């Protein structure tokens, strides 16, 4: 069996190359182009950086802190109302029943380490169950440019939800999270991409959808897909 060993050596004219040796014979050295080696190293390094970046992106998750609609009757009333508005000719995408919620704070994309820190900050949050009446219809950002149709709540529970959202933000401030706008208690019912007949919606501005008892704050993961977001629970804290 041939014992092949390689070493960098100088050949004729002082050229650098690989010298292969064996007990039986010596073969001519192979010249090495140092520029090619440098370029090869750069390609390998860039490839590794791309792989690491893709891996890091995969580990990050889009998250938010929320309180979900839990009363089945109220939820069903909201879904039936969606059907009513669609029958009037409304061109908008309804939110599915399992995604009806209040967003207390949007966290954006975070990694697993930050998720653990957020869990620790919210684990001992203290709040009483909130009795709400789902009532009223509104739009965001304004009447002339509607992108969201939402359901509101009664004044008393609105104040309690605002206080709960402030507690969440205060606890997460130390981690660098800040709300970009004041919290307005609402449940997104439709997402709008075009023009709509606002009068048809405002005919129901005082409609009531039912009552509920809100007793759980959750950290939710949102995975964006062509068919819409998919939500999943990452953490939950119950009321006192």
C-alpha atoms as a PDB file:
ATOM      1  CA  UNK A   1       0.000   0.000   0.000  1.00  0.00           C
ATOM      2  CA  UNK A   2       1.370   3.406  -0.935  1.00  0.00           C
ATOM      3  CA  UNK A   3       2.090   5.789   1.964  1.00  0.00           C
ATOM      4  CA  UNK A   4       1.316   9.225   0.581  1.00  0.00           C
ATOM      5  CA  UNK A   5       2.562  12.306   2.433  1.00  0.00           C
ATOM      6  CA  UNK A   6       2.273  15.883   1.264  1.00  0.00           C
ATOM      7  CA  UNK A   7       4.271  18.964   2.187  1.00  0.00           C
ATOM      8  CA  UNK A   8       4.725  22.493   0.882  1.00  0.00           C
ATOM      9  CA  UNK A   9       8.119  22.836  -0.798  1.00  0.00           C
ATOM     10  CA  UNK A  10       9.978  24.963  -3.302  1.00  0.00           C
ATOM     11  CA  UNK A  11      10.556  23.643  -6.772  1.00  0.00           C
ATOM     12  CA  UNK A  12      12.649  24.957  -9.659  1.00  0.00           C
ATOM     13  CA  UNK A  13      12.808  28.725  -9.786  1.00  0.00           C
ATOM     14  CA  UNK A  14      11.685  29.072  -6.154  1.00  0.00           C
ATOM     15  CA  UNK A  15       8.014  28.334  -6.952  1.00  0.00           C
ATOM     16  CA  UNK A  16       5.830  27.154  -4.081  1.00  0.00           C
ATOM     17  CA  UNK A  17       4.033  23.842  -4.512  1.00  0.00           C
ATOM     18  CA  UNK A  18       2.932  20.562  -2.938  1.00  0.00           C
ATOM     19  CA  UNK A  19       5.509  17.808  -2.868  1.00  0.00           C
ATOM     20  CA  UNK A  20       4.024  14.302  -2.697  1.00  0.00           C
ATOM     21  CA  UNK A  21       6.337  11.504  -1.571  1.00  0.00           C
ATOM     22  CA  UNK A  22       6.127   7.725  -1.326  1.00  0.00           C
ATOM     23  CA  UNK A  23       8.633   4.981  -0.541  1.00  0.00           C
ATOM     24  CA  UNK A  24       8.754   4.036  -4.236  1.00  0.00           C
ATOM     25  CA  UNK A  25       8.886   7.327  -6.110  1.00  0.00           C
ATOM     26  CA  UNK A  26       8.618  11.096  -5.970  1.00  0.00           C
ATOM     27  CA  UNK A  27       6.127  12.958  -8.107  1.00  0.00           C
ATOM     28  CA  UNK A  28       6.519  16.512  -9.387  1.00  0.00           C
ATOM     29  CA  UNK A  29       5.248  19.272  -7.102  1.00  0.00           C
ATOM     30  CA  UNK A  30       1.880  20.922  -7.853  1.00  0.00           C
ATOM     31  CA  UNK A  31       2.008  24.737  -7.963  1.00  0.00           C
ATOM     32  CA  UNK A  32      -0.289  26.641  -5.532  1.00  0.00           C
ATOM     33  CA  UNK A  33      -1.894  29.938  -6.483  1.00  0.00           C
ATOM     34  CA  UNK A  34      -2.064  31.973  -3.280  1.00  0.00           C
ATOM     35  CA  UNK A  35      -4.775  34.246  -4.719  1.00  0.00           C
ATOM     36  CA  UNK A  36      -7.004  31.240  -5.313  1.00  0.00           C
ATOM     37  CA  UNK A  37      -6.507  30.125  -1.722  1.00  0.00           C
ATOM     38  CA  UNK A  38      -7.479  33.570  -0.438  1.00  0.00           C
ATOM     39  CA  UNK A  39     -10.581  33.618  -2.643  1.00  0.00           C
ATOM     40  CA  UNK A  40     -11.525  30.110  -1.560  1.00  0.00           C
ATOM     41  CA  UNK A  41     -11.237  31.087   2.113  1.00  0.00           C
ATOM     42  CA  UNK A  42     -13.427  34.129   1.505  1.00  0.00           C
ATOM     43  CA  UNK A  43     -16.094  32.002  -0.194  1.00  0.00           C
ATOM     44  CA  UNK A  44     -16.102  29.507   2.678  1.00  0.00           C
ATOM     45  CA  UNK A  45     -16.309  32.327   5.254  1.00  0.00           C
ATOM     46  CA  UNK A  46     -19.174  34.079   3.425  1.00  0.00           C
ATOM     47  CA  UNK A  47     -21.045  30.793   3.039  1.00  0.00           C
ATOM     48  CA  UNK A  48     -20.691  30.114   6.760  1.00  0.00           C
ATOM     49  CA  UNK A  49     -21.993  33.598   7.573  1.00  0.00           C
ATOM     50  CA  UNK A  50     -25.054  33.069   5.342  1.00  0.00           C
ATOM     51  CA  UNK A  51     -25.810  29.708   6.964  1.00  0.00           C
ATOM     52  CA  UNK A  52     -25.479  31.228  10.432  1.00  0.00           C
ATOM     53  CA  UNK A  53     -27.740  34.152   9.508  1.00  0.00           C
ATOM     54  CA  UNK A  54     -30.422  31.796   8.155  1.00  0.00           C
ATOM     55  CA  UNK A  55     -30.155  29.661  11.289  1.00  0.00           C
ATOM     56  CA  UNK A  56     -30.477  32.746  13.506  1.00  0.00           C
ATOM     57  CA  UNK A  57     -33.560  33.908  11.600  1.00  0.00           C
ATOM     58  CA  UNK A  58     -35.141  30.484  12.022  1.00  0.00           C
ATOM     59  CA  UNK A  59     -34.605  30.677  15.783  1.00  0.00           C
ATOM     60  CA  UNK A  60     -36.326  34.057  16.043  1.00  0.00           C
ATOM     61  CA  UNK A  61     -40.100  34.223  16.505  1.00  0.00           C
ATOM     62  CA  UNK A  62     -42.718  36.936  16.023  1.00  0.00           C
ATOM     63  CA  UNK A  63     -44.488  37.423  19.360  1.00  0.00           C
ATOM     64  CA  UNK A  64     -47.028  39.505  21.271  1.00  0.00           C
ATOM     65  CA  UNK A  65     -48.717  39.592  24.692  1.00  0.00           C
ATOM     66  CA  UNK A  66     -52.470  39.084  24.546  1.00  0.00           C
ATOM     67  CA  UNK A  67     -55.749  38.362  26.292  1.00  0.00           C
ATOM     68  CA  UNK A  68     -58.072  36.147  24.284  1.00  0.00           C
ATOM     69  CA  UNK A  69     -61.838  36.102  23.906  1.00  0.00           C
ATOM     70  CA  UNK A  70     -62.968  33.040  25.867  1.00  0.00           C
ATOM     71  CA  UNK A  71     -66.771  33.139  26.041  1.00  0.00           C
ATOM     72  CA  UNK A  72     -68.155  30.859  23.334  1.00  0.00           C
ATOM     73  CA  UNK A  73     -71.452  32.698  22.953  1.00  0.00           C
ATOM     74  CA  UNK A  74     -69.789  36.083  22.567  1.00  0.00           C
ATOM     75  CA  UNK A  75     -67.349  34.571  20.103  1.00  0.00           C
ATOM     76  CA  UNK A  76     -70.171  33.087  18.056  1.00  0.00           C
ATOM     77  CA  UNK A  77     -71.980  36.442  18.001  1.00  0.00           C
ATOM     78  CA  UNK A  78     -68.839  38.057  16.571  1.00  0.00           C
ATOM     79  CA  UNK A  79     -68.556  35.421  13.859  1.00  0.00           C
ATOM     80  CA  UNK A  80     -72.228  35.815  12.935  1.00  0.00           C
ATOM     81  CA  UNK A  81     -71.707  39.574  12.708  1.00  0.00           C
ATOM     82  CA  UNK A  82     -68.801  39.000  10.337  1.00  0.00           C
ATOM     83  CA  UNK A  83     -71.137  37.029   8.093  1.00  0.00           C
ATOM     84  CA  UNK A  84     -73.720  39.820   8.271  1.00  0.00           C
ATOM     85  CA  UNK A  85     -71.231  42.453   7.133  1.00  0.00           C
ATOM     86  CA  UNK A  86     -69.911  40.231   4.341  1.00  0.00           C
ATOM     87  CA  UNK A  87     -73.486  39.798   3.108  1.00  0.00           C
ATOM     88  CA  UNK A  88     -73.757  43.595   2.817  1.00  0.00           C
ATOM     89  CA  UNK A  89     -70.915  43.470   0.283  1.00  0.00           C
ATOM     90  CA  UNK A  90     -68.002  44.256   2.596  1.00  0.00           C
ATOM     91  CA  UNK A  91     -64.673  43.435   0.946  1.00  0.00           C
ATOM     92  CA  UNK A  92     -62.447  42.565   3.893  1.00  0.00           C
ATOM     93  CA  UNK A  93     -60.733  39.558   5.454  1.00  0.00           C
ATOM     94  CA  UNK A  94     -62.445  38.301   8.639  1.00  0.00           C
ATOM     95  CA  UNK A  95     -60.372  37.189  11.617  1.00  0.00           C
ATOM     96  CA  UNK A  96     -61.013  33.548  12.533  1.00  0.00           C
ATOM     97  CA  UNK A  97     -62.739  32.724  15.809  1.00  0.00           C
ATOM     98  CA  UNK A  98     -59.618  31.248  17.416  1.00  0.00           C
ATOM     99  CA  UNK A  99     -57.690  34.467  16.802  1.00  0.00           C
ATOM    100  CA  UNK A 100     -60.014  36.979  18.472  1.00  0.00           C
ATOM    101  CA  UNK A 101     -57.969  38.752  21.158  1.00  0.00           C
ATOM    102  CA  UNK A 102     -56.708  41.984  22.729  1.00  0.00           C
ATOM    103  CA  UNK A 103     -53.058  42.710  21.952  1.00  0.00           C
ATOM    104  CA  UNK A 104     -51.652  44.155  25.187  1.00  0.00           C
ATOM    105  CA  UNK A 105     -48.183  44.598  23.686  1.00  0.00           C
ATOM    106  CA  UNK A 106     -46.489  43.657  20.439  1.00  0.00           C
ATOM    107  CA  UNK A 107     -42.970  42.356  21.033  1.00  0.00           C
ATOM    108  CA  UNK A 108     -41.822  41.756  17.476  1.00  0.00           C
ATOM    109  CA  UNK A 109     -39.225  39.117  16.633  1.00  0.00           C
ATOM    110  CA  UNK A 110     -37.323  37.700  19.598  1.00  0.00           C
ATOM    111  CA  UNK A 111     -35.056  34.713  20.173  1.00  0.00           C
ATOM    112  CA  UNK A 112     -35.406  31.914  22.707  1.00  0.00           C
ATOM    113  CA  UNK A 113     -33.197  33.647  25.284  1.00  0.00           C
ATOM    114  CA  UNK A 114     -35.315  36.812  25.158  1.00  0.00           C
ATOM    115  CA  UNK A 115     -38.491  34.725  25.370  1.00  0.00           C
ATOM    116  CA  UNK A 116     -37.246  33.244  28.633  1.00  0.00           C
ATOM    117  CA  UNK A 117     -36.543  36.743  29.974  1.00  0.00           C
ATOM    118  CA  UNK A 118     -40.048  37.909  29.012  1.00  0.00           C
ATOM    119  CA  UNK A 119     -41.557  34.873  30.739  1.00  0.00           C
ATOM    120  CA  UNK A 120     -39.650  35.675  33.932  1.00  0.00           C
ATOM    121  CA  UNK A 121     -40.866  39.279  33.888  1.00  0.00           C
ATOM    122  CA  UNK A 122     -44.513  38.301  33.428  1.00  0.00           C
ATOM    123  CA  UNK A 123     -44.586  35.154  35.565  1.00  0.00           C
ATOM    124  CA  UNK A 124     -45.601  36.965  38.757  1.00  0.00           C
ATOM    125  CA  UNK A 125     -47.816  39.677  37.280  1.00  0.00           C
ATOM    126  CA  UNK A 126     -50.862  40.291  39.500  1.00  0.00           C
ATOM    127  CA  UNK A 127     -54.331  41.145  38.175  1.00  0.00           C
ATOM    128  CA  UNK A 128     -57.959  40.402  38.970  1.00  0.00           C
ATOM    129  CA  UNK A 129     -60.294  38.747  36.425  1.00  0.00           C
ATOM    130  CA  UNK A 130     -61.857  41.375  34.200  1.00  0.00           C
ATOM    131  CA  UNK A 131     -65.591  41.217  33.492  1.00  0.00           C
ATOM    132  CA  UNK A 132     -66.165  42.738  30.063  1.00  0.00           C
ATOM    133  CA  UNK A 133     -69.084  43.561  27.827  1.00  0.00           C
ATOM    134  CA  UNK A 134     -68.167  43.449  24.155  1.00  0.00           C
ATOM    135  CA  UNK A 135     -69.840  46.453  22.622  1.00  0.00           C
ATOM    136  CA  UNK A 136     -69.395  49.009  19.873  1.00  0.00           C
ATOM    137  CA  UNK A 137     -67.782  48.999  16.424  1.00  0.00           C
ATOM    138  CA  UNK A 138     -64.844  51.151  15.368  1.00  0.00           C
ATOM    139  CA  UNK A 139     -62.165  51.442  12.676  1.00  0.00           C
ATOM    140  CA  UNK A 140     -58.418  52.083  12.478  1.00  0.00           C
ATOM    141  CA  UNK A 141     -56.581  54.243  11.639  1.00  0.00           C
ATOM    142  CA  UNK A 142     -59.420  56.667  10.720  1.00  0.00           C
ATOM    143  CA  UNK A 143     -62.744  56.967   8.901  1.00  0.00           C
ATOM    144  CA  UNK A 144     -61.142  58.036   5.601  1.00  0.00           C
ATOM    145  CA  UNK A 145     -58.541  55.279   5.509  1.00  0.00           C
ATOM    146  CA  UNK A 146     -59.911  52.101   7.063  1.00  0.00           C
ATOM    147  CA  UNK A 147     -57.556  49.158   7.502  1.00  0.00           C
ATOM    148  CA  UNK A 148     -59.055  47.493  10.579  1.00  0.00           C
ATOM    149  CA  UNK A 149     -62.644  47.028  11.784  1.00  0.00           C
ATOM    150  CA  UNK A 150     -62.788  46.280  15.483  1.00  0.00           C
ATOM    151  CA  UNK A 151     -65.075  45.552  18.446  1.00  0.00           C
ATOM    152  CA  UNK A 152     -64.707  47.522  21.674  1.00  0.00           C
ATOM    153  CA  UNK A 153     -65.655  47.012  25.318  1.00  0.00           C
ATOM    154  CA  UNK A 154     -67.533  48.894  28.027  1.00  0.00           C
ATOM    155  CA  UNK A 155     -65.835  51.834  29.762  1.00  0.00           C
ATOM    156  CA  UNK A 156     -65.132  50.109  33.082  1.00  0.00           C
ATOM    157  CA  UNK A 157     -63.439  47.069  31.609  1.00  0.00           C
ATOM    158  CA  UNK A 158     -61.617  49.312  29.131  1.00  0.00           C
ATOM    159  CA  UNK A 159     -59.880  51.075  32.028  1.00  0.00           C
ATOM    160  CA  UNK A 160     -58.937  47.735  33.599  1.00  0.00           C
ATOM    161  CA  UNK A 161     -57.482  46.444  30.344  1.00  0.00           C
ATOM    162  CA  UNK A 162     -55.505  49.667  29.907  1.00  0.00           C
ATOM    163  CA  UNK A 163     -54.101  49.241  33.406  1.00  0.00           C
ATOM    164  CA  UNK A 164     -53.171  45.622  32.641  1.00  0.00           C
ATOM    165  CA  UNK A 165     -51.399  46.686  29.448  1.00  0.00           C
ATOM    166  CA  UNK A 166     -49.453  49.304  31.436  1.00  0.00           C
ATOM    167  CA  UNK A 167     -48.357  46.632  33.901  1.00  0.00           C
ATOM    168  CA  UNK A 168     -47.087  44.485  31.047  1.00  0.00           C
ATOM    169  CA  UNK A 169     -45.185  47.372  29.467  1.00  0.00           C
ATOM    170  CA  UNK A 170     -43.669  48.468  32.793  1.00  0.00           C
ATOM    171  CA  UNK A 171     -42.329  44.973  33.421  1.00  0.00           C
ATOM    172  CA  UNK A 172     -40.909  44.645  29.925  1.00  0.00           C
ATOM    173  CA  UNK A 173     -39.395  48.125  29.719  1.00  0.00           C
ATOM    174  CA  UNK A 174     -36.224  46.852  31.372  1.00  0.00           C
ATOM    175  CA  UNK A 175     -35.809  44.420  28.469  1.00  0.00           C
ATOM    176  CA  UNK A 176     -36.017  47.259  25.953  1.00  0.00           C
ATOM    177  CA  UNK A 177     -39.649  46.901  24.879  1.00  0.00           C
ATOM    178  CA  UNK A 178     -41.717  50.055  24.293  1.00  0.00           C
ATOM    179  CA  UNK A 179     -45.231  50.483  22.917  1.00  0.00           C
ATOM    180  CA  UNK A 180     -45.257  52.666  19.817  1.00  0.00           C
ATOM    181  CA  UNK A 181     -48.754  54.002  20.559  1.00  0.00           C
ATOM    182  CA  UNK A 182     -51.237  54.158  23.460  1.00  0.00           C
ATOM    183  CA  UNK A 183     -53.160  50.952  24.054  1.00  0.00           C
ATOM    184  CA  UNK A 184     -56.812  51.070  22.960  1.00  0.00           C
ATOM    185  CA  UNK A 185     -58.782  47.972  24.041  1.00  0.00           C
ATOM    186  CA  UNK A 186     -60.182  46.402  20.887  1.00  0.00           C
ATOM    187  CA  UNK A 187     -60.635  43.087  19.111  1.00  0.00           C
ATOM    188  CA  UNK A 188     -59.753  43.065  15.434  1.00  0.00           C
ATOM    189  CA  UNK A 189     -62.717  41.689  13.494  1.00  0.00           C
ATOM    190  CA  UNK A 190     -61.675  42.438   9.902  1.00  0.00           C
ATOM    191  CA  UNK A 191     -58.513  43.445   8.059  1.00  0.00           C
ATOM    192  CA  UNK A 192     -59.288  45.742   5.139  1.00  0.00           C
ATOM    193  CA  UNK A 193     -57.249  46.141   1.946  1.00  0.00           C
ATOM    194  CA  UNK A 194     -59.543  48.315  -0.169  1.00  0.00           C
ATOM    195  CA  UNK A 195     -62.351  50.843  -0.013  1.00  0.00           C
ATOM    196  CA  UNK A 196     -65.421  50.058   2.085  1.00  0.00           C
ATOM    197  CA  UNK A 197     -68.845  51.532   2.767  1.00  0.00           C
ATOM    198  CA  UNK A 198     -68.287  53.004   6.223  1.00  0.00           C
ATOM    199  CA  UNK A 199     -71.980  53.833   6.672  1.00  0.00           C
ATOM    200  CA  UNK A 200     -72.889  50.156   6.429  1.00  0.00           C
ATOM    201  CA  UNK A 201     -70.509  49.461   9.308  1.00  0.00           C
ATOM    202  CA  UNK A 202     -71.453  52.416  11.477  1.00  0.00           C
ATOM    203  CA  UNK A 203     -75.077  51.307  11.425  1.00  0.00           C
ATOM    204  CA  UNK A 204     -73.915  48.771  14.016  1.00  0.00           C
ATOM    205  CA  UNK A 205     -71.660  51.096  16.054  1.00  0.00           C
ATOM    206  CA  UNK A 206     -73.619  50.460  19.275  1.00  0.00           C
ATOM    207  CA  UNK A 207     -74.091  46.725  18.807  1.00  0.00           C
ATOM    208  CA  UNK A 208     -73.414  44.470  21.828  1.00  0.00           C
ATOM    209  CA  UNK A 209     -71.910  41.012  21.358  1.00  0.00           C
ATOM    210  CA  UNK A 210     -72.012  39.520  24.831  1.00  0.00           C
ATOM    211  CA  UNK A 211     -70.044  39.306  28.062  1.00  0.00           C
ATOM    212  CA  UNK A 212     -66.876  37.556  29.130  1.00  0.00           C
ATOM    213  CA  UNK A 213     -64.497  37.064  32.074  1.00  0.00           C
ATOM    214  CA  UNK A 214     -60.858  37.618  31.090  1.00  0.00           C
ATOM    215  CA  UNK A 215     -58.490  35.778  33.396  1.00  0.00           C
ATOM    216  CA  UNK A 216     -55.386  34.795  31.394  1.00  0.00           C
ATOM    217  CA  UNK A 217     -52.515  36.765  29.888  1.00  0.00           C
ATOM    218  CA  UNK A 218     -50.595  34.916  27.185  1.00  0.00           C
ATOM    219  CA  UNK A 219     -47.418  35.259  25.195  1.00  0.00           C
ATOM    220  CA  UNK A 220     -48.393  34.287  21.662  1.00  0.00           C
ATOM    221  CA  UNK A 221     -46.325  33.332  18.646  1.00  0.00           C
ATOM    222  CA  UNK A 222     -47.462  34.529  15.229  1.00  0.00           C
ATOM    223  CA  UNK A 223     -46.254  32.655  12.170  1.00  0.00           C
ATOM    224  CA  UNK A 224     -47.003  34.548   8.964  1.00  0.00           C
ATOM    225  CA  UNK A 225     -48.190  32.427   6.036  1.00  0.00           C
ATOM    226  CA  UNK A 226     -49.738  33.193   2.606  1.00  0.00           C
ATOM    227  CA  UNK A 227     -53.121  32.199   4.052  1.00  0.00           C
ATOM    228  CA  UNK A 228     -52.767  34.450   7.088  1.00  0.00           C
ATOM    229  CA  UNK A 229     -51.106  34.306  10.512  1.00  0.00           C
ATOM    230  CA  UNK A 230     -51.057  31.150  12.615  1.00  0.00           C
ATOM    231  CA  UNK A 231     -51.072  31.734  16.386  1.00  0.00           C
ATOM    232  CA  UNK A 232     -49.747  29.437  19.079  1.00  0.00           C
ATOM    233  CA  UNK A 233     -49.314  29.765  22.849  1.00  0.00           C
ATOM    234  CA  UNK A 234     -45.830  30.133  24.325  1.00  0.00           C
ATOM    235  CA  UNK A 235     -46.683  31.053  27.917  1.00  0.00           C
ATOM    236  CA  UNK A 236     -49.707  31.854  30.079  1.00  0.00           C
ATOM    237  CA  UNK A 237     -50.312  33.624  33.406  1.00  0.00           C
ATOM    238  CA  UNK A 238     -53.637  33.358  35.191  1.00  0.00           C
ATOM    239  CA  UNK A 239     -55.311  36.033  37.285  1.00  0.00           C
ATOM    240  CA  UNK A 240     -55.305  36.062  41.089  1.00  0.00           C
END
